N, C-alpha and C. Protein backbone atom coordinates (compact mmCIF):
# COMPACT_ATOMS: atom_id res chain seq x y z
N MET A 1 22.13 13.64 10.77
CA MET A 1 20.05 12.61 11.66
C MET A 1 20.69 12.85 12.91
N ARG A 2 19.27 12.95 13.30
CA ARG A 2 19.54 12.33 14.39
C ARG A 2 18.65 10.59 14.65
N ALA A 3 19.36 10.59 16.38
CA ALA A 3 18.94 9.44 16.87
C ALA A 3 19.10 8.81 17.87
N LEU A 4 18.16 7.36 18.31
CA LEU A 4 18.33 7.06 19.73
C LEU A 4 19.29 6.18 19.82
N VAL A 5 19.97 6.50 20.30
CA VAL A 5 20.79 4.75 20.71
C VAL A 5 20.93 4.51 22.43
N ALA A 6 19.89 3.51 22.00
CA ALA A 6 20.13 3.86 23.68
C ALA A 6 20.75 2.03 24.27
N LEU A 7 21.44 2.13 25.64
CA LEU A 7 22.45 0.83 26.11
C LEU A 7 21.23 -0.08 27.28
N PRO A 8 21.54 -0.88 27.70
CA PRO A 8 20.34 -1.89 29.08
C PRO A 8 21.21 -0.16 29.83
N GLY A 9 19.51 -0.32 31.06
CA GLY A 9 19.17 0.59 31.47
C GLY A 9 17.50 -0.07 32.98
N GLY A 10 17.83 1.50 33.37
CA GLY A 10 17.05 1.45 34.28
C GLY A 10 15.75 2.29 33.51
N PHE A 11 15.24 2.55 34.93
CA PHE A 11 14.30 4.23 34.40
C PHE A 11 14.56 4.51 33.78
N GLY A 12 15.64 5.62 33.83
CA GLY A 12 15.21 6.39 33.46
C GLY A 12 15.77 6.72 31.93
N THR A 13 16.31 4.89 31.68
CA THR A 13 16.05 5.29 30.12
C THR A 13 14.76 4.10 29.27
N PHE A 14 13.95 3.12 30.66
CA PHE A 14 13.15 3.09 30.26
C PHE A 14 12.41 4.61 29.75
N ASP A 15 12.21 5.08 30.58
CA ASP A 15 11.13 6.42 30.32
C ASP A 15 12.21 6.75 28.75
N LYS A 16 13.61 7.05 28.41
CA LYS A 16 13.70 8.46 27.12
C LYS A 16 12.98 7.06 25.98
N VAL A 17 13.68 5.85 25.98
CA VAL A 17 13.24 5.08 25.21
C VAL A 17 11.56 4.87 24.78
N TYR A 18 10.72 5.18 26.24
CA TYR A 18 9.51 4.75 25.80
C TYR A 18 9.10 6.91 25.56
N ALA A 19 9.62 6.73 25.89
CA ALA A 19 8.80 8.61 25.11
C ALA A 19 9.32 9.05 22.85
N ALA A 20 10.81 8.09 23.00
CA ALA A 20 11.08 7.71 22.28
C ALA A 20 10.21 7.99 20.94
N LEU A 21 10.04 6.85 21.09
CA LEU A 21 8.20 5.98 20.78
C LEU A 21 7.68 6.23 20.88
N ASN A 22 6.88 6.44 21.86
CA ASN A 22 5.79 6.75 21.50
C ASN A 22 5.46 8.65 20.64
N LEU A 23 6.83 9.07 20.94
CA LEU A 23 6.95 10.83 19.54
C LEU A 23 7.16 10.39 18.26
N VAL A 24 7.78 9.66 18.04
CA VAL A 24 7.31 9.03 16.63
C VAL A 24 6.41 8.19 16.35
N ALA A 25 6.02 7.30 16.95
CA ALA A 25 4.89 6.56 16.59
C ALA A 25 3.63 7.38 16.34
N THR A 26 3.00 8.70 17.38
CA THR A 26 2.00 8.95 17.24
C THR A 26 2.35 10.52 15.93
N ARG A 27 3.51 11.12 15.47
CA ARG A 27 3.81 11.10 14.24
C ARG A 27 4.28 12.62 14.95
N THR A 28 4.41 12.85 16.44
CA THR A 28 4.78 13.73 16.87
C THR A 28 6.07 14.59 16.51
N ILE A 29 6.92 13.99 16.32
CA ILE A 29 8.16 14.60 15.68
C ILE A 29 8.34 13.64 14.19
N SER A 30 9.10 13.69 13.03
CA SER A 30 9.78 13.06 12.48
C SER A 30 9.82 11.71 13.14
N PRO A 31 9.73 11.14 12.50
CA PRO A 31 10.48 9.36 12.65
C PRO A 31 12.13 9.15 13.05
N ILE A 32 12.66 9.40 13.34
CA ILE A 32 14.61 9.48 13.81
C ILE A 32 14.32 7.41 13.69
N PRO A 33 15.98 7.08 13.54
CA PRO A 33 16.16 5.67 14.32
C PRO A 33 16.15 5.59 14.96
N ILE A 34 15.75 4.90 15.32
CA ILE A 34 16.33 4.20 17.49
C ILE A 34 17.26 2.71 17.43
N VAL A 35 17.44 2.52 17.82
CA VAL A 35 19.03 1.24 17.87
C VAL A 35 18.97 1.29 19.26
N LEU A 36 18.34 -0.55 19.52
CA LEU A 36 18.38 -0.49 21.34
C LEU A 36 19.35 -1.13 21.26
N ILE A 37 20.57 -1.66 22.18
CA ILE A 37 21.65 -1.99 22.18
C ILE A 37 21.46 -3.80 22.75
N GLY A 38 21.51 -4.50 22.66
CA GLY A 38 21.33 -5.72 23.78
C GLY A 38 19.79 -6.26 22.97
N LYS A 39 19.68 -6.87 22.23
CA LYS A 39 18.60 -7.41 21.91
C LYS A 39 18.47 -8.54 22.96
N ASP A 40 19.05 -9.60 23.53
CA ASP A 40 18.22 -10.32 24.60
C ASP A 40 17.30 -8.94 25.78
N TYR A 41 18.21 -8.22 25.58
CA TYR A 41 18.28 -7.61 27.98
C TYR A 41 16.60 -6.83 26.73
N TRP A 42 16.49 -6.57 25.36
CA TRP A 42 15.50 -5.82 25.70
C TRP A 42 14.67 -6.36 25.22
N ASN A 43 14.30 -7.26 24.39
CA ASN A 43 13.32 -8.26 24.09
C ASN A 43 12.76 -9.26 25.93
N ARG A 44 13.27 -8.55 26.59
CA ARG A 44 13.22 -9.16 28.06
C ARG A 44 11.98 -7.95 28.46
N VAL A 45 12.54 -6.88 28.84
CA VAL A 45 11.45 -5.78 29.35
C VAL A 45 11.27 -4.83 28.39
N VAL A 46 11.40 -5.08 27.55
CA VAL A 46 10.27 -4.58 26.10
C VAL A 46 9.22 -5.09 25.53
N PRO A 47 8.77 -6.51 25.21
CA PRO A 47 8.67 -7.38 24.34
C PRO A 47 8.34 -6.69 22.98
N LEU A 48 8.40 -6.39 22.14
CA LEU A 48 7.29 -5.37 21.19
C LEU A 48 6.85 -6.63 20.11
N ASP A 49 7.98 -7.49 20.13
CA ASP A 49 6.06 -8.60 18.97
C ASP A 49 5.64 -9.47 19.88
N LEU A 50 5.65 -9.61 21.40
CA LEU A 50 4.08 -9.94 21.82
C LEU A 50 3.78 -8.80 21.53
N LEU A 51 3.82 -7.26 22.38
CA LEU A 51 2.89 -6.36 22.32
C LEU A 51 1.93 -6.45 20.88
N ALA A 52 3.20 -6.26 19.79
CA ALA A 52 1.77 -6.99 17.97
C ALA A 52 1.36 -7.72 18.31
N SER A 53 1.49 -9.39 18.49
CA SER A 53 1.13 -10.27 19.06
C SER A 53 0.04 -9.78 19.35
N GLU A 54 -0.41 -9.01 19.93
CA GLU A 54 -1.53 -9.35 21.42
C GLU A 54 -2.24 -8.13 21.06
N GLY A 55 -1.69 -7.40 19.44
CA GLY A 55 -2.92 -5.83 19.09
C GLY A 55 -2.11 -4.83 19.61
N TYR A 56 -1.01 -4.60 20.58
CA TYR A 56 -0.95 -3.74 20.91
C TYR A 56 -0.78 -2.04 20.53
N ILE A 57 -0.22 -2.93 19.51
CA ILE A 57 1.03 -1.95 19.12
C ILE A 57 1.22 -2.86 17.88
N SER A 58 1.39 -1.61 16.36
CA SER A 58 0.85 -2.13 14.78
C SER A 58 2.28 -2.21 14.22
N ALA A 59 2.22 -3.32 13.27
CA ALA A 59 3.51 -3.48 13.33
C ALA A 59 4.79 -2.73 12.76
N ALA A 60 3.44 -1.47 12.32
CA ALA A 60 4.77 -0.06 11.62
C ALA A 60 5.34 0.11 13.12
N ASP A 61 5.28 0.03 13.72
CA ASP A 61 5.24 0.22 15.46
C ASP A 61 6.29 -0.42 15.99
N ARG A 62 6.44 -1.57 15.17
CA ARG A 62 7.82 -2.51 15.91
C ARG A 62 8.31 -2.48 15.16
N ALA A 63 7.82 -2.38 14.26
CA ALA A 63 9.12 -1.85 13.17
C ALA A 63 10.62 -0.45 13.46
N LEU A 64 9.54 0.58 14.25
CA LEU A 64 10.46 1.78 14.77
C LEU A 64 11.68 0.83 15.25
N VAL A 65 11.82 -0.36 16.05
CA VAL A 65 12.62 -0.71 16.62
C VAL A 65 14.43 -1.57 15.82
N HIS A 66 14.83 -1.30 15.92
CA HIS A 66 17.06 -1.88 15.46
C HIS A 66 17.01 -2.54 16.57
N TYR A 67 17.47 -3.48 16.65
CA TYR A 67 18.21 -4.31 17.15
C TYR A 67 19.94 -4.80 17.02
N ALA A 68 20.77 -3.59 18.14
CA ALA A 68 22.54 -3.80 17.80
C ALA A 68 23.05 -5.00 18.52
N GLU A 69 24.08 -5.04 18.66
CA GLU A 69 24.48 -6.30 19.91
C GLU A 69 25.75 -5.29 19.73
N SER A 70 26.31 -3.69 19.48
CA SER A 70 27.21 -3.35 20.32
C SER A 70 27.57 -2.40 19.21
N GLY A 71 28.98 -1.38 19.68
CA GLY A 71 27.81 0.42 19.86
C GLY A 71 28.61 0.03 18.21
N ALA A 72 29.29 -0.36 17.65
CA ALA A 72 30.48 -0.23 16.06
C ALA A 72 28.90 -1.11 15.27
N GLU A 73 28.04 -1.53 15.56
CA GLU A 73 27.24 -2.14 15.24
C GLU A 73 25.98 -1.08 15.20
N ALA A 74 25.36 -0.85 16.23
CA ALA A 74 24.43 0.45 15.60
C ALA A 74 25.35 1.50 14.45
N ALA A 75 26.90 2.01 14.71
CA ALA A 75 26.75 2.84 14.21
C ALA A 75 26.39 2.61 12.73
N ARG A 76 27.47 1.03 12.04
CA ARG A 76 26.90 1.38 11.06
C ARG A 76 25.09 0.99 10.35
N TYR A 77 24.38 0.46 11.47
CA TYR A 77 24.02 0.82 11.48
C TYR A 77 23.17 2.25 10.56
N LEU A 78 23.60 2.86 11.49
CA LEU A 78 22.77 4.49 11.78
C LEU A 78 23.91 5.29 10.28
N LEU A 79 25.66 4.91 9.94
CA LEU A 79 25.43 4.90 9.00
C LEU A 79 25.12 4.80 7.48
N GLU A 80 24.80 3.63 7.92
CA GLU A 80 24.15 3.16 6.57
C GLU A 80 22.78 3.80 5.95
N ARG A 81 21.99 3.47 6.99
CA ARG A 81 20.87 4.98 7.06
C ARG A 81 21.22 5.83 6.09
N CYS A 82 21.50 6.83 6.66
CA CYS A 82 22.16 7.76 6.40
C CYS A 82 23.25 8.63 4.93
N GLY A 83 23.71 7.05 4.15
CA GLY A 83 23.84 7.06 2.83
C GLY A 83 25.58 7.41 3.69
N CYS A 84 26.17 7.74 5.07
CA CYS A 84 27.48 8.13 4.67
C CYS A 84 28.03 6.61 5.21
N GLU A 85 27.92 5.30 4.83
CA GLU A 85 29.50 4.44 4.84
C GLU A 85 30.76 4.87 4.70
N ASP A 86 30.84 5.88 3.90
CA ASP A 86 32.36 5.88 3.65
C ASP A 86 32.59 7.01 4.59
N GLY A 87 31.96 7.34 5.72
CA GLY A 87 32.60 8.96 6.53
C GLY A 87 31.55 8.87 7.82
N PRO A 88 32.46 9.40 8.44
CA PRO A 88 30.99 10.40 9.47
C PRO A 88 29.79 11.30 9.61
N ILE A 89 29.16 10.82 9.80
CA ILE A 89 28.52 11.29 10.28
C ILE A 89 28.44 13.10 10.11
N ALA A 90 27.31 14.56 9.28
CA ALA A 90 27.64 14.93 9.61
C ALA A 90 26.95 16.41 10.32
C-alpha cells in the first residue's frame, strides 16, 4: 500500500502535500490515502472546508484527506484501509 502521511511543516511539506493532492485529484496517479497529522494545524494552512464551500475544490477532492492526531492513529487508519488490522502492512 502506498500512502502519504504528513506532519506539520513548512514549504517542503506543503509542496509534497499539494503535489499528492493534485496528482490524485486529477487522476494522474491511482488514489492513495493522504493522512495529515494535526487537524488544527492543517485546517489553518490548507483550509479544505473553505475551499470546498467556495467552490474551488469539489466535495470529492475534500474527501481525499483524512486527519489524525498521532502517528498511531494514522497507522490504525491505514491498517483498516488495507484490511491489515491484525498485522503489519505487507
